[in-house]
């Protein structure tokens, strides 16, 4: 029983590691976009082709490592290249948090439909045709989206193609914000919040299976989990507002407590706060804004790897049939860990409020 359940967790961990790759890419993608802005559209089209091609090739795989490599590494490298955050800072300024909330809400919408659709396709067509249909679906909607993704400002081709290398640009940029108390607080809070989020996304289907429910119900629970994220992320407007209204005007303990409650309940939309926080830290300097945002995403990528590993150590599959008054099925320690991390996240919000006053 232990071997079976750990195998389930390890298979799920492949997805979180793949997601970590995508998070780690953001900073480097932003730097490439700043170095070669006239190549940005080509990069995004190439990455879309990489995503669709990796899914298509995975459908013809005959050995287990092949789809893992294609669906995890190659697909996520392509997916990371599609996140050109620089355009967000070009098109939006004061409403950047709201725009980010709507954009990130798309991932919740896809996550709500995707598990059920994939379960249906796998049951009726098998994994090969599921991957092919997925690739075609992504190609059609990706082409449609990229066709309307254009810069707001004129793209300036660098006059000197032999300019400074990426490493030189990296060392020449301003990194003083690393000592900014607000940046430190947001980085730590992001890490803690993500440590709680990813174990839930990984183990929710395993927990459902422990209740001896049909596979479709496991997919449905995962779908509802993702849907709850979109409700919170689309309310990520609410998450951003709670941070910058309740937090910004928190001159009393009551308002600080209100911010903690609202922000804690809207933790699924935590990432929607990043653009506004990055702008607070960076000011009008776009390169600093992109670096702050990129480092926050890298922090979440670290948590995407560490969180499931901690949860795997806390999960007790030998107790899968044990039902307790509180929690059970081997998940008691995981539940307590996730709850503790969310409490720490709320405390991080209070610390960030203090840090903003210091800045």
Protein backbone atom coordinates (compact mmCIF):
# COMPACT_ATOMS: atom_id res chain seq x y z
CA UNK A 1 0.00 0.00 0.00
CA UNK A 2 2.83 2.39 0.86
CA UNK A 3 4.52 1.83 -2.47
CA UNK A 4 1.32 2.43 -4.40
CA UNK A 5 0.48 5.69 -2.69
CA UNK A 6 3.99 7.05 -2.87
CA UNK A 7 3.97 6.23 -6.55
CA UNK A 8 0.83 8.35 -6.90
CA UNK A 9 2.50 11.21 -5.08
CA UNK A 10 5.67 10.93 -7.13
CA UNK A 11 3.70 10.97 -10.38
CA UNK A 12 1.89 14.07 -9.18
CA UNK A 13 5.20 15.60 -8.10
CA UNK A 14 6.36 15.45 -11.73
CA UNK A 15 3.75 18.10 -12.47
CA UNK A 16 4.83 20.36 -9.63
CA UNK A 17 8.50 20.08 -10.64
CA UNK A 18 7.50 20.93 -14.19
CA UNK A 19 5.60 23.93 -12.85
CA UNK A 20 8.71 24.95 -10.91
CA UNK A 21 10.65 25.04 -14.18
CA UNK A 22 8.09 27.44 -15.59
CA UNK A 23 8.28 29.69 -12.53
CA UNK A 24 12.08 29.75 -12.66
CA UNK A 25 12.03 30.83 -16.30
CA UNK A 26 10.17 34.09 -15.81
CA UNK A 27 13.17 36.16 -14.69
CA UNK A 28 15.32 34.97 -17.59
CA UNK A 29 12.52 35.38 -20.13
CA UNK A 30 12.10 38.98 -18.97
CA UNK A 31 15.82 39.65 -19.36
CA UNK A 32 15.84 38.15 -22.85
CA UNK A 33 12.87 40.34 -23.76
CA UNK A 34 14.73 43.43 -22.54
CA UNK A 35 17.89 42.46 -24.43
CA UNK A 36 16.16 41.59 -27.71
CA UNK A 37 12.72 43.26 -27.63
CA UNK A 38 12.29 42.86 -31.39
CA UNK A 39 12.58 39.08 -30.98
CA UNK A 40 9.87 38.77 -28.35
CA UNK A 41 7.04 37.78 -30.67
CA UNK A 42 9.23 35.20 -32.39
CA UNK A 43 10.13 33.79 -28.97
CA UNK A 44 6.49 33.51 -27.95
CA UNK A 45 5.47 31.84 -31.22
CA UNK A 46 8.39 29.44 -30.91
CA UNK A 47 7.43 28.57 -27.34
CA UNK A 48 3.85 27.90 -28.39
CA UNK A 49 5.17 25.53 -31.06
CA UNK A 50 7.38 23.87 -28.43
CA UNK A 51 4.39 23.28 -26.14
CA UNK A 52 2.17 21.84 -28.86
CA UNK A 53 5.00 19.82 -30.39
CA UNK A 54 6.00 18.27 -27.06
CA UNK A 55 2.44 17.09 -26.46
CA UNK A 56 2.18 15.67 -29.96
CA UNK A 57 5.51 13.83 -29.67
CA UNK A 58 4.56 12.52 -26.23
CA UNK A 59 1.52 10.84 -27.77
CA UNK A 60 3.87 8.61 -29.79
CA UNK A 61 6.13 7.73 -26.84
CA UNK A 62 6.73 4.06 -26.11
CA UNK A 63 8.76 4.37 -22.88
CA UNK A 64 7.84 6.08 -19.61
CA UNK A 65 10.78 8.58 -19.50
CA UNK A 66 9.81 10.02 -22.89
CA UNK A 67 6.41 11.52 -21.97
CA UNK A 68 7.81 12.66 -18.62
CA UNK A 69 10.61 14.53 -20.40
CA UNK A 70 8.31 15.94 -23.07
CA UNK A 71 5.31 16.81 -20.89
CA UNK A 72 7.31 18.05 -17.91
CA UNK A 73 10.55 19.63 -19.06
CA UNK A 74 10.00 20.56 -22.71
CA UNK A 75 6.38 21.62 -22.30
CA UNK A 76 7.10 23.82 -19.29
CA UNK A 77 10.13 25.44 -20.90
CA UNK A 78 7.83 26.45 -23.73
CA UNK A 79 5.11 27.52 -21.31
CA UNK A 80 7.54 29.72 -19.40
CA UNK A 81 8.51 31.50 -22.60
CA UNK A 82 4.89 32.48 -23.16
CA UNK A 83 4.87 34.54 -19.95
CA UNK A 84 6.14 37.85 -21.25
CA UNK A 85 5.25 39.96 -18.23
CA UNK A 86 6.80 43.10 -19.73
CA UNK A 87 3.64 43.73 -21.74
CA UNK A 88 1.63 43.83 -18.52
CA UNK A 89 3.75 46.70 -17.24
CA UNK A 90 3.41 48.47 -20.61
CA UNK A 91 -0.37 48.36 -20.81
CA UNK A 92 -1.28 48.87 -17.14
CA UNK A 93 -0.02 51.07 -14.35
CA UNK A 94 -2.48 51.95 -11.57
CA UNK A 95 -4.71 48.95 -12.39
CA UNK A 96 -1.91 46.47 -12.85
CA UNK A 97 -3.10 44.34 -9.93
CA UNK A 98 -6.61 44.10 -11.39
CA UNK A 99 -5.25 43.19 -14.81
CA UNK A 100 -3.05 40.49 -13.30
CA UNK A 101 -6.02 39.10 -11.37
CA UNK A 102 -8.03 38.72 -14.57
CA UNK A 103 -5.10 37.20 -16.46
CA UNK A 104 -4.28 34.70 -13.72
CA UNK A 105 -7.98 33.92 -13.49
CA UNK A 106 -7.61 32.25 -16.86
CA UNK A 107 -5.48 29.53 -15.28
CA UNK A 108 -8.22 28.87 -12.76
CA UNK A 109 -10.83 28.68 -15.52
CA UNK A 110 -8.72 26.18 -17.42
CA UNK A 111 -8.02 24.26 -14.24
CA UNK A 112 -11.75 23.99 -13.55
CA UNK A 113 -12.53 22.39 -16.91
CA UNK A 114 -9.32 20.55 -17.64
CA UNK A 115 -9.43 17.63 -15.12
CA UNK A 116 -12.97 16.64 -16.10
CA UNK A 117 -12.28 16.94 -19.82
CA UNK A 118 -9.04 14.96 -19.59
CA UNK A 119 -10.70 12.24 -17.50
CA UNK A 120 -13.41 11.92 -20.16
CA UNK A 121 -10.90 11.77 -23.01
CA UNK A 122 -8.66 9.28 -21.21
CA UNK A 123 -11.60 7.00 -20.49
CA UNK A 124 -12.93 7.07 -24.04
CA UNK A 125 -9.92 7.66 -26.31
CA UNK A 126 -6.81 6.75 -24.33
CA UNK A 127 -3.81 8.87 -23.44
CA UNK A 128 -2.39 9.11 -26.99
CA UNK A 129 -5.42 10.77 -28.55
CA UNK A 130 -5.92 12.80 -25.38
CA UNK A 131 -2.48 14.36 -25.85
CA UNK A 132 -3.13 14.97 -29.55
CA UNK A 133 -6.45 16.67 -28.88
CA UNK A 134 -4.84 18.70 -26.10
CA UNK A 135 -2.07 19.80 -28.48
CA UNK A 136 -4.60 20.82 -31.15
CA UNK A 137 -6.73 22.67 -28.62
CA UNK A 138 -3.72 24.58 -27.32
CA UNK A 139 -2.56 25.40 -30.83
CA UNK A 140 -5.90 26.89 -31.88
CA UNK A 141 -6.40 29.01 -28.77
CA UNK A 142 -2.70 29.88 -28.53
CA UNK A 143 -2.61 31.23 -32.07
CA UNK A 144 -5.76 33.23 -31.38
CA UNK A 145 -4.29 34.70 -28.17
CA UNK A 146 -0.86 35.55 -29.60
CA UNK A 147 -2.43 37.19 -32.65
CA UNK A 148 -3.85 39.86 -30.30
CA UNK A 149 -0.82 40.09 -28.00
CA UNK A 150 0.97 43.23 -29.09
CA UNK A 151 3.22 45.77 -27.35
CA UNK A 152 1.83 49.15 -26.41
CA UNK A 153 5.12 50.97 -27.04
CA UNK A 154 7.11 50.92 -30.30
CA UNK A 155 9.61 48.08 -30.40
CA UNK A 156 13.14 49.46 -30.71
CA UNK A 157 15.71 47.23 -32.33
CA UNK A 158 19.08 47.40 -30.51
CA UNK A 159 21.55 49.41 -32.58
CA UNK A 160 24.49 47.27 -31.54
CA UNK A 161 23.80 43.56 -31.96
CA UNK A 162 27.09 42.84 -30.19
CA UNK A 163 26.02 44.64 -27.04
CA UNK A 164 26.48 43.38 -23.49
CA UNK A 165 25.75 39.73 -22.81
CA UNK A 166 22.90 38.60 -20.59
CA UNK A 167 25.34 38.03 -17.74
CA UNK A 168 26.76 41.54 -18.13
CA UNK A 169 23.27 43.02 -18.14
CA UNK A 170 22.45 40.93 -15.10
CA UNK A 171 25.41 42.27 -13.12
CA UNK A 172 24.86 45.88 -14.24
CA UNK A 173 21.26 46.06 -13.14
CA UNK A 174 20.16 47.56 -9.85
CA UNK A 175 19.78 44.89 -7.18
CA UNK A 176 19.52 47.15 -4.15
CA UNK A 177 15.86 46.17 -3.77
CA UNK A 178 17.05 42.82 -2.38
CA UNK A 179 17.55 44.66 0.94
CA UNK A 180 14.13 46.29 0.76
CA UNK A 181 12.08 45.16 3.83
CA UNK A 182 8.90 44.95 1.74
CA UNK A 183 10.62 42.71 -0.82
CA UNK A 184 11.99 40.45 1.92
CA UNK A 185 8.58 40.17 3.61
CA UNK A 186 6.78 39.41 0.34
CA UNK A 187 9.38 36.83 -0.67
CA UNK A 188 9.11 34.96 2.63
CA UNK A 189 5.31 35.21 2.61
CA UNK A 190 5.16 33.95 -0.98
CA UNK A 191 7.31 30.96 -0.04
CA UNK A 192 5.15 30.10 2.98
CA UNK A 193 1.86 30.51 1.10
CA UNK A 194 3.06 28.33 -1.77
CA UNK A 195 4.30 25.66 0.66
CA UNK A 196 0.66 25.29 1.73
CA UNK A 197 -0.87 25.58 -1.73
CA UNK A 198 1.04 22.95 -3.70
CA UNK A 199 0.56 20.01 -1.29
CA UNK A 200 -3.20 20.54 -1.55
CA UNK A 201 -3.13 20.59 -5.35
CA UNK A 202 -0.97 17.44 -5.34
CA UNK A 203 -2.78 15.35 -2.73
CA UNK A 204 -6.42 16.33 -3.17
CA UNK A 205 -7.07 13.49 -5.63
CA UNK A 206 -5.17 11.01 -3.42
CA UNK A 207 -7.34 12.04 -0.47
CA UNK A 208 -10.47 11.60 -2.58
CA UNK A 209 -9.30 8.14 -3.60
CA UNK A 210 -8.86 7.30 0.10
CA UNK A 211 -12.61 7.77 0.47
CA UNK A 212 -13.08 4.95 -2.09
CA UNK A 213 -14.81 7.20 -4.61
CA UNK A 214 -14.83 6.73 -8.41
CA UNK A 215 -11.96 8.35 -10.38
CA UNK A 216 -14.32 10.94 -11.85
CA UNK A 217 -15.02 12.28 -8.37
CA UNK A 218 -11.30 12.78 -7.85
CA UNK A 219 -11.15 14.78 -11.07
CA UNK A 220 -14.24 16.70 -10.01
CA UNK A 221 -12.69 17.61 -6.66
CA UNK A 222 -9.52 18.81 -8.40
CA UNK A 223 -11.70 20.80 -10.79
CA UNK A 224 -13.57 22.43 -7.92
CA UNK A 225 -10.23 23.19 -6.23
CA UNK A 226 -9.07 24.98 -9.37
CA UNK A 227 -12.44 26.68 -9.73
CA UNK A 228 -12.18 27.98 -6.20
CA UNK A 229 -8.85 29.44 -7.26
CA UNK A 230 -10.48 31.35 -10.09
CA UNK A 231 -13.18 32.67 -7.77
CA UNK A 232 -10.42 33.90 -5.50
CA UNK A 233 -8.16 34.96 -8.35
CA UNK A 234 -10.90 36.79 -10.21
CA UNK A 235 -11.51 38.21 -6.75
CA UNK A 236 -7.80 38.76 -6.90
CA UNK A 237 -9.02 42.12 -7.67
CA UNK A 238 -10.31 41.68 -4.12
CA UNK A 239 -6.95 40.35 -2.97
CA UNK A 240 -5.16 43.34 -4.47
CA UNK A 241 -7.75 45.75 -3.06
CA UNK A 242 -7.54 44.18 0.39
CA UNK A 243 -3.78 44.65 0.29
CA UNK A 244 -3.82 48.19 -1.00
CA UNK A 245 -6.97 49.53 0.70
CA UNK A 246 -7.28 47.65 3.99
CA UNK A 247 -3.53 47.28 4.21
CA UNK A 248 -2.79 50.74 2.91
CA UNK A 249 -5.24 52.43 5.32
CA UNK A 250 -4.65 50.09 8.26
CA UNK A 251 -4.04 52.65 10.96
CA UNK A 252 -5.77 50.59 13.62
CA UNK A 253 -5.65 47.01 14.86
CA UNK A 254 -9.18 46.39 13.58
CA UNK A 255 -8.28 47.18 9.98
CA UNK A 256 -5.10 45.12 10.21
CA UNK A 257 -7.13 42.15 11.47
CA UNK A 258 -9.66 42.72 8.69
CA UNK A 259 -6.84 42.66 6.16
CA UNK A 260 -5.47 39.43 7.62
CA UNK A 261 -8.88 37.73 7.39
CA UNK A 262 -9.67 38.94 3.87
CA UNK A 263 -6.21 38.35 2.50
CA UNK A 264 -5.98 34.94 4.14
CA UNK A 265 -9.32 33.87 2.66
CA UNK A 266 -8.19 35.08 -0.76
CA UNK A 267 -4.88 33.23 -0.69
CA UNK A 268 -5.63 31.52 -3.99
CA UNK A 269 -5.29 34.92 -5.62
CA UNK A 270 -2.02 35.71 -3.89
CA UNK A 271 -0.10 36.05 -7.16
CA UNK A 272 -2.39 38.86 -8.27
CA UNK A 273 -0.71 41.04 -5.65
CA UNK A 274 2.74 40.57 -7.17
CA UNK A 275 2.51 43.19 -9.95
CA UNK A 276 1.28 45.91 -7.60
CA UNK A 277 3.87 45.03 -4.95
CA UNK A 278 6.59 44.90 -7.59
CA UNK A 279 5.58 48.36 -8.75
CA UNK A 280 5.70 49.66 -5.16
CA UNK A 281 9.23 48.31 -4.77
CA UNK A 282 10.55 49.24 -8.22
CA UNK A 283 8.83 52.57 -8.78
CA UNK A 284 8.93 53.64 -12.43
CA UNK A 285 11.98 51.54 -13.37
CA UNK A 286 10.71 48.76 -15.63
CA UNK A 287 13.80 46.55 -15.43
CA UNK A 288 13.63 46.57 -11.62
CA UNK A 289 9.90 45.78 -11.76
CA UNK A 290 10.59 42.75 -13.96
CA UNK A 291 13.40 41.56 -11.68
CA UNK A 292 11.26 41.84 -8.56
CA UNK A 293 8.42 39.99 -10.25
CA UNK A 294 10.77 37.34 -11.60
CA UNK A 295 12.32 36.65 -8.20
CA UNK A 296 8.88 36.30 -6.61
CA UNK A 297 7.93 33.72 -9.22
CA UNK A 298 11.21 31.87 -8.64
CA UNK A 299 10.38 31.77 -4.94
CA UNK A 300 7.09 30.10 -5.73
CA UNK A 301 8.96 27.68 -7.99
CA UNK A 302 11.16 26.67 -5.05
CA UNK A 303 8.03 26.03 -2.98
CA UNK A 304 6.56 23.96 -5.83
CA UNK A 305 9.39 21.48 -5.27
CA UNK A 306 9.78 21.68 -1.49
CA UNK A 307 6.08 21.73 -0.55
CA UNK A 308 5.16 18.33 -2.02
CA UNK A 309 8.34 16.78 -0.57
CA UNK A 310 7.38 17.97 2.91
CA UNK A 311 3.82 16.73 2.38
CA UNK A 312 5.12 13.34 1.21
CA UNK A 313 7.11 13.03 4.44
CA UNK A 314 4.06 13.95 6.52
CA UNK A 315 1.62 11.68 4.67
CA UNK A 316 1.05 8.24 6.25
CA UNK A 317 -0.38 5.88 3.61
CA UNK A 318 -0.42 2.99 6.10
CA UNK A 319 -3.30 4.86 7.80
CA UNK A 320 -5.29 5.20 4.59
CA UNK A 321 -8.23 3.25 6.06
CA UNK A 322 -8.15 5.01 9.44
CA UNK A 323 -10.91 7.58 9.87
CA UNK A 324 -10.47 9.96 12.80
CA UNK A 325 -12.79 12.57 14.22
CA UNK A 326 -10.42 15.22 12.94
CA UNK A 327 -8.88 14.53 9.55
CA UNK A 328 -7.75 10.95 8.92
CA UNK A 329 -6.74 8.68 6.05
CA UNK A 330 -3.09 9.48 6.80
CA UNK A 331 -3.55 13.21 6.14
CA UNK A 332 -3.70 14.64 9.66
CA UNK A 333 -0.12 15.92 9.67
CA UNK A 334 -0.50 17.28 6.13
CA UNK A 335 -3.67 19.11 7.16
CA UNK A 336 -1.97 20.64 10.21
CA UNK A 337 1.03 21.65 8.10
CA UNK A 338 -1.11 23.38 5.47
CA UNK A 339 -3.14 25.17 8.14
CA UNK A 340 0.00 26.33 9.93
CA UNK A 341 1.48 27.70 6.71
CA UNK A 342 -1.69 29.68 6.00
CA UNK A 343 -1.58 31.18 9.49
CA UNK A 344 2.04 32.13 8.86
CA UNK A 345 0.98 33.65 5.53
CA UNK A 346 -1.50 35.89 7.33
CA UNK A 347 1.26 36.91 9.75
CA UNK A 348 3.45 37.68 6.75
CA UNK A 349 0.79 40.09 5.53
CA UNK A 350 1.00 42.00 8.79
CA UNK A 351 4.80 42.04 8.55
CA UNK A 352 4.58 43.37 4.99
CA UNK A 353 2.31 46.16 6.25
CA UNK A 354 5.00 47.14 8.73
CA UNK A 355 7.69 46.88 6.05
CA UNK A 356 5.75 49.18 3.74
CA UNK A 357 5.63 51.83 6.47
CA UNK A 358 9.37 51.51 6.98
CA UNK A 359 9.98 51.96 3.25
